[in-house]
N, C-alpha and C. Protein backbone atom coordinates (compact mmCIF):
# COMPACT_ATOMS: atom_id res chain seq x y z
N MET A 1 31.24 -1.57 -75.57
CA MET A 1 30.98 -0.71 -76.81
C MET A 1 29.74 -0.15 -77.74
N ALA A 2 30.23 0.91 -78.20
CA ALA A 2 29.76 1.23 -79.23
C ALA A 2 29.78 0.58 -80.18
N LYS A 3 28.70 0.79 -81.28
CA LYS A 3 27.95 -0.29 -82.47
C LYS A 3 28.43 -0.29 -83.33
N VAL A 4 29.24 -1.21 -83.78
CA VAL A 4 30.29 -1.45 -84.90
C VAL A 4 29.38 -1.34 -86.22
N LYS A 5 29.59 -0.62 -87.20
CA LYS A 5 29.11 0.05 -88.53
C LYS A 5 29.89 -0.53 -89.71
N ILE A 6 29.89 -1.49 -89.56
CA ILE A 6 30.29 -3.05 -90.52
C ILE A 6 29.88 -4.04 -90.79
N GLN A 7 29.62 -4.61 -91.71
CA GLN A 7 28.92 -5.94 -91.66
C GLN A 7 29.43 -7.63 -93.26
N PRO A 8 29.69 -7.83 -91.83
CA PRO A 8 30.58 -8.60 -92.87
C PRO A 8 29.24 -9.74 -94.10
N LEU A 9 29.82 -10.68 -94.97
CA LEU A 9 29.16 -10.91 -96.12
C LEU A 9 29.51 -12.28 -95.63
N GLY A 10 28.75 -13.23 -96.20
CA GLY A 10 28.30 -14.74 -96.57
C GLY A 10 28.84 -14.93 -95.19
N ASP A 11 30.20 -15.78 -95.33
CA ASP A 11 30.10 -17.08 -93.48
C ASP A 11 31.15 -16.28 -92.97
N ARG A 12 31.57 -14.80 -93.11
CA ARG A 12 32.83 -14.43 -92.23
C ARG A 12 32.01 -13.84 -91.07
N VAL A 13 32.79 -13.34 -90.40
CA VAL A 13 32.70 -13.19 -88.52
C VAL A 13 34.17 -12.14 -88.13
N LEU A 14 33.25 -10.71 -87.47
CA LEU A 14 34.32 -9.77 -87.36
C LEU A 14 34.14 -10.03 -85.90
N VAL A 15 35.54 -9.72 -85.35
CA VAL A 15 35.98 -10.68 -83.93
C VAL A 15 36.74 -9.22 -83.43
N LYS A 16 36.72 -8.76 -81.70
CA LYS A 16 37.51 -8.12 -81.87
C LYS A 16 38.74 -8.75 -80.53
N GLN A 17 39.98 -8.99 -80.78
CA GLN A 17 40.51 -9.34 -79.79
C GLN A 17 40.90 -9.02 -78.80
N THR A 18 40.82 -10.31 -77.17
CA THR A 18 40.88 -9.70 -75.69
C THR A 18 41.77 -8.53 -75.47
N GLU A 19 42.72 -8.03 -74.91
CA GLU A 19 44.14 -7.68 -74.70
C GLU A 19 44.15 -8.03 -73.62
N GLU A 20 45.09 -8.89 -73.69
CA GLU A 20 46.06 -9.60 -72.30
C GLU A 20 46.95 -9.02 -71.43
N LYS A 21 46.58 -9.51 -70.35
CA LYS A 21 46.75 -8.78 -69.16
C LYS A 21 48.87 -8.76 -69.71
N GLU A 22 49.86 -7.58 -69.22
CA GLU A 22 51.18 -7.65 -69.55
C GLU A 22 51.54 -8.68 -67.86
N GLN A 23 52.20 -8.92 -68.55
CA GLN A 23 53.17 -9.96 -67.97
C GLN A 23 54.45 -9.74 -67.73
N VAL A 24 54.91 -9.90 -66.57
CA VAL A 24 56.91 -9.83 -66.11
C VAL A 24 56.70 -11.27 -65.59
N LYS A 25 58.26 -11.51 -66.14
CA LYS A 25 58.03 -12.29 -66.32
C LYS A 25 60.23 -12.68 -65.85
N GLY A 26 60.63 -12.89 -64.43
CA GLY A 26 62.18 -12.85 -64.34
C GLY A 26 62.23 -11.09 -63.58
N GLY A 27 60.99 -10.65 -63.79
CA GLY A 27 61.75 -9.03 -63.18
C GLY A 27 62.05 -8.50 -64.93
N ILE A 28 61.62 -9.32 -66.05
CA ILE A 28 61.72 -8.77 -67.36
C ILE A 28 60.39 -7.83 -67.77
N ILE A 29 60.27 -6.66 -68.07
CA ILE A 29 58.88 -6.50 -68.50
C ILE A 29 59.43 -6.14 -70.30
N ILE A 30 58.31 -7.31 -70.93
CA ILE A 30 58.27 -7.82 -72.04
C ILE A 30 57.63 -5.97 -73.65
N PRO A 31 58.08 -6.06 -73.74
CA PRO A 31 57.26 -4.93 -75.09
C PRO A 31 56.85 -5.38 -75.54
N ASP A 32 55.72 -4.23 -76.35
CA ASP A 32 54.62 -4.77 -76.92
C ASP A 32 55.04 -5.44 -78.50
N ALA A 33 55.70 -4.54 -78.63
CA ALA A 33 56.50 -5.97 -80.18
C ALA A 33 56.58 -7.33 -80.33
N ALA A 34 57.30 -7.49 -79.62
CA ALA A 34 57.33 -9.18 -79.15
C ALA A 34 56.24 -9.54 -78.79
N LYS A 35 54.63 -9.00 -78.19
CA LYS A 35 53.96 -10.52 -77.16
C LYS A 35 53.59 -10.56 -78.87
N GLU A 36 52.71 -11.84 -77.75
CA GLU A 36 51.83 -12.41 -79.34
C GLU A 36 50.66 -12.05 -79.11
N LYS A 37 49.84 -11.91 -80.35
CA LYS A 37 48.34 -11.38 -79.78
C LYS A 37 47.66 -12.34 -78.71
N SER A 38 46.44 -12.45 -78.37
CA SER A 38 45.53 -12.88 -77.68
C SER A 38 44.92 -14.17 -78.65
N GLN A 39 44.15 -14.91 -78.68
CA GLN A 39 43.82 -16.50 -79.08
C GLN A 39 42.77 -16.23 -79.34
N GLU A 40 42.35 -15.61 -77.71
CA GLU A 40 41.00 -15.07 -77.42
C GLU A 40 40.58 -13.93 -78.06
N ALA A 41 38.78 -13.19 -78.70
CA ALA A 41 37.91 -13.36 -79.10
C ALA A 41 36.70 -13.05 -78.53
N GLU A 42 36.63 -11.60 -79.10
CA GLU A 42 34.80 -11.91 -79.03
C GLU A 42 33.79 -11.71 -80.15
N VAL A 43 32.63 -12.35 -80.44
CA VAL A 43 32.54 -12.15 -81.86
C VAL A 43 32.13 -10.26 -81.57
N VAL A 44 31.78 -9.95 -82.37
CA VAL A 44 31.19 -8.39 -82.75
C VAL A 44 29.54 -8.05 -84.05
N ALA A 45 30.30 -9.00 -85.37
CA ALA A 45 29.14 -9.03 -85.78
C ALA A 45 28.78 -10.57 -86.89
N ILE A 46 28.29 -10.84 -87.51
CA ILE A 46 28.24 -11.80 -88.30
C ILE A 46 27.61 -12.20 -90.00
N GLY A 47 28.09 -12.48 -90.60
CA GLY A 47 27.52 -12.41 -91.85
C GLY A 47 25.77 -13.27 -92.18
N SER A 48 26.23 -13.00 -93.62
CA SER A 48 25.02 -13.93 -93.87
C SER A 48 24.80 -15.15 -93.71
N GLY A 49 25.80 -16.07 -93.43
CA GLY A 49 25.82 -17.96 -93.62
C GLY A 49 27.03 -18.14 -94.88
N ARG A 50 27.46 -18.99 -94.14
CA ARG A 50 27.39 -19.15 -95.48
C ARG A 50 26.76 -20.60 -96.44
N LEU A 51 27.08 -20.54 -98.35
CA LEU A 51 26.08 -20.71 -99.00
C LEU A 51 26.27 -22.74 -99.26
N ALA A 52 25.26 -23.06 -99.11
CA ALA A 52 25.28 -24.11 -99.39
C ALA A 52 25.49 -25.06 -100.49
N ASP A 53 25.73 -25.85 -101.24
CA ASP A 53 25.18 -26.62 -102.34
C ASP A 53 23.67 -26.26 -102.96
N ASN A 54 22.84 -26.33 -102.00
CA ASN A 54 21.91 -26.40 -102.87
C ASN A 54 21.05 -24.35 -103.31
N GLY A 55 21.88 -24.33 -102.40
CA GLY A 55 21.28 -22.30 -102.41
C GLY A 55 20.85 -22.33 -100.98
N THR A 56 20.57 -23.20 -99.96
CA THR A 56 20.13 -22.51 -99.08
C THR A 56 21.54 -22.28 -98.19
N ARG A 57 21.21 -21.49 -97.00
CA ARG A 57 22.06 -20.61 -96.37
C ARG A 57 21.89 -21.22 -94.76
N VAL A 58 23.80 -21.80 -94.95
CA VAL A 58 23.83 -22.16 -93.43
C VAL A 58 24.41 -21.88 -91.93
N PRO A 59 23.43 -22.04 -91.39
CA PRO A 59 23.44 -20.55 -90.63
C PRO A 59 23.99 -21.08 -89.27
N PHE A 60 25.34 -19.77 -88.81
CA PHE A 60 26.39 -20.01 -87.73
C PHE A 60 26.00 -20.80 -86.38
N GLU A 61 27.47 -21.13 -86.25
CA GLU A 61 26.88 -21.83 -84.93
C GLU A 61 27.27 -20.86 -83.71
N VAL A 62 28.24 -20.08 -84.07
CA VAL A 62 28.49 -18.48 -83.50
C VAL A 62 27.53 -17.95 -83.32
N LYS A 63 27.99 -16.76 -81.85
CA LYS A 63 26.50 -15.61 -82.27
C LYS A 63 27.79 -14.57 -81.45
N VAL A 64 26.83 -13.18 -81.65
CA VAL A 64 27.60 -11.96 -81.19
C VAL A 64 27.35 -11.79 -79.87
N GLY A 65 28.31 -11.89 -79.11
CA GLY A 65 28.59 -11.59 -77.45
C GLY A 65 30.10 -13.33 -77.45
N ASP A 66 29.35 -13.85 -77.83
CA ASP A 66 31.00 -15.41 -78.29
C ASP A 66 32.14 -15.20 -78.13
N LYS A 67 32.32 -15.97 -76.59
CA LYS A 67 33.78 -15.69 -76.30
C LYS A 67 34.20 -16.78 -77.17
N VAL A 68 35.26 -16.29 -77.82
CA VAL A 68 35.45 -17.56 -78.81
C VAL A 68 37.48 -17.95 -79.23
N LEU A 69 37.77 -18.70 -79.29
CA LEU A 69 39.14 -19.06 -79.60
C LEU A 69 39.21 -18.52 -81.20
N ILE A 70 40.75 -18.35 -81.93
CA ILE A 70 40.66 -17.64 -83.35
C ILE A 70 42.30 -18.27 -83.86
N SER A 71 42.53 -18.68 -84.63
CA SER A 71 43.14 -19.62 -85.16
C SER A 71 44.73 -18.25 -85.35
N LYS A 72 45.63 -18.68 -85.17
CA LYS A 72 46.82 -17.97 -84.27
C LYS A 72 46.83 -17.12 -86.39
N TYR A 73 46.50 -17.37 -87.26
CA TYR A 73 47.17 -16.68 -88.26
C TYR A 73 46.05 -16.39 -89.09
N GLY A 74 44.26 -16.16 -88.98
CA GLY A 74 43.51 -16.31 -90.02
C GLY A 74 43.15 -15.63 -89.59
N GLY A 75 42.28 -14.43 -90.43
CA GLY A 75 42.09 -13.22 -90.82
C GLY A 75 42.78 -12.55 -91.23
N THR A 76 41.78 -11.28 -90.86
CA THR A 76 42.60 -10.04 -91.76
C THR A 76 42.75 -8.53 -90.62
N GLU A 77 43.37 -8.17 -90.35
CA GLU A 77 42.76 -6.99 -89.70
C GLU A 77 42.57 -5.99 -89.94
N VAL A 78 41.40 -5.08 -88.72
CA VAL A 78 40.36 -4.26 -89.54
C VAL A 78 40.78 -2.96 -88.67
N SER A 79 40.75 -1.53 -88.95
CA SER A 79 40.54 -0.97 -87.45
C SER A 79 40.05 0.00 -87.98
N LEU A 80 38.85 0.17 -87.52
CA LEU A 80 37.94 1.13 -87.65
C LEU A 80 37.82 2.65 -86.15
N GLY A 81 38.59 3.52 -86.93
CA GLY A 81 39.28 4.53 -85.40
C GLY A 81 40.06 4.71 -84.79
N ASP A 82 39.37 4.38 -83.68
CA ASP A 82 40.78 4.19 -82.93
C ASP A 82 40.82 2.42 -82.16
N GLU A 83 39.35 1.80 -83.08
CA GLU A 83 39.55 0.71 -82.75
C GLU A 83 40.40 -0.77 -83.52
N LYS A 84 40.99 -1.68 -83.52
CA LYS A 84 41.17 -2.95 -84.02
C LYS A 84 40.40 -4.25 -83.48
N PHE A 85 40.03 -4.92 -84.83
CA PHE A 85 38.93 -5.96 -85.03
C PHE A 85 39.60 -6.83 -86.24
N VAL A 86 39.53 -7.91 -85.71
CA VAL A 86 39.64 -8.96 -87.20
C VAL A 86 38.34 -9.91 -87.41
N LEU A 87 38.30 -9.75 -89.20
CA LEU A 87 38.01 -10.25 -89.89
C LEU A 87 38.02 -12.19 -90.74
N LEU A 88 36.86 -12.57 -90.24
CA LEU A 88 37.71 -14.13 -90.79
C LEU A 88 36.55 -15.52 -91.05
N ARG A 89 36.62 -15.70 -91.26
CA ARG A 89 36.06 -16.86 -91.74
C ARG A 89 35.61 -18.03 -90.48
N GLU A 90 33.93 -18.22 -90.90
CA GLU A 90 33.62 -18.65 -89.41
C GLU A 90 34.68 -20.38 -89.12
N ASP A 91 35.18 -20.74 -90.32
CA ASP A 91 35.61 -22.33 -89.77
C ASP A 91 37.36 -21.54 -89.67
N ASP A 92 37.35 -20.12 -89.56
CA ASP A 92 39.49 -19.64 -88.58
C ASP A 92 38.95 -19.70 -86.77
N ILE A 93 37.60 -20.30 -86.53
CA ILE A 93 37.20 -19.93 -85.24
C ILE A 93 37.17 -21.31 -84.34
N VAL A 94 38.49 -21.74 -83.98
CA VAL A 94 38.72 -23.05 -83.48
C VAL A 94 37.46 -23.92 -82.07
N ALA A 95 37.02 -22.63 -81.36
CA ALA A 95 36.12 -23.26 -80.66
C ALA A 95 35.62 -22.14 -79.49
N ILE A 96 34.25 -22.18 -78.75
CA ILE A 96 33.43 -21.58 -78.20
C ILE A 96 34.15 -21.59 -76.38
N LEU A 97 34.17 -20.52 -75.95
CA LEU A 97 35.11 -20.30 -74.65
C LEU A 97 33.28 -20.37 -74.21
N LYS A 98 32.90 -21.46 -73.07
CA LYS A 98 31.84 -21.92 -72.39
C LYS A 98 32.19 -20.59 -70.93
């Protein structure tokens, strides 16, 4: 993947959702419009961290390259060129996949 030219601010994280393999159930092909988006994603870029009440930066629990599960309806879709990303808060990441 080419280097992304976007830097999230604060506690925001830029992720790229993984493509799900086409599944055929009972011989019926499900069109792209009817498929749910994957909740698995890869962290592409992170911001500087959340600012705590005492003025210090709280470090991220995720790092660039981590495979994560994101909340189903969280974040904002962003298109850069022909690639689509999701920009979300770190709170919208539910788990790190190991």
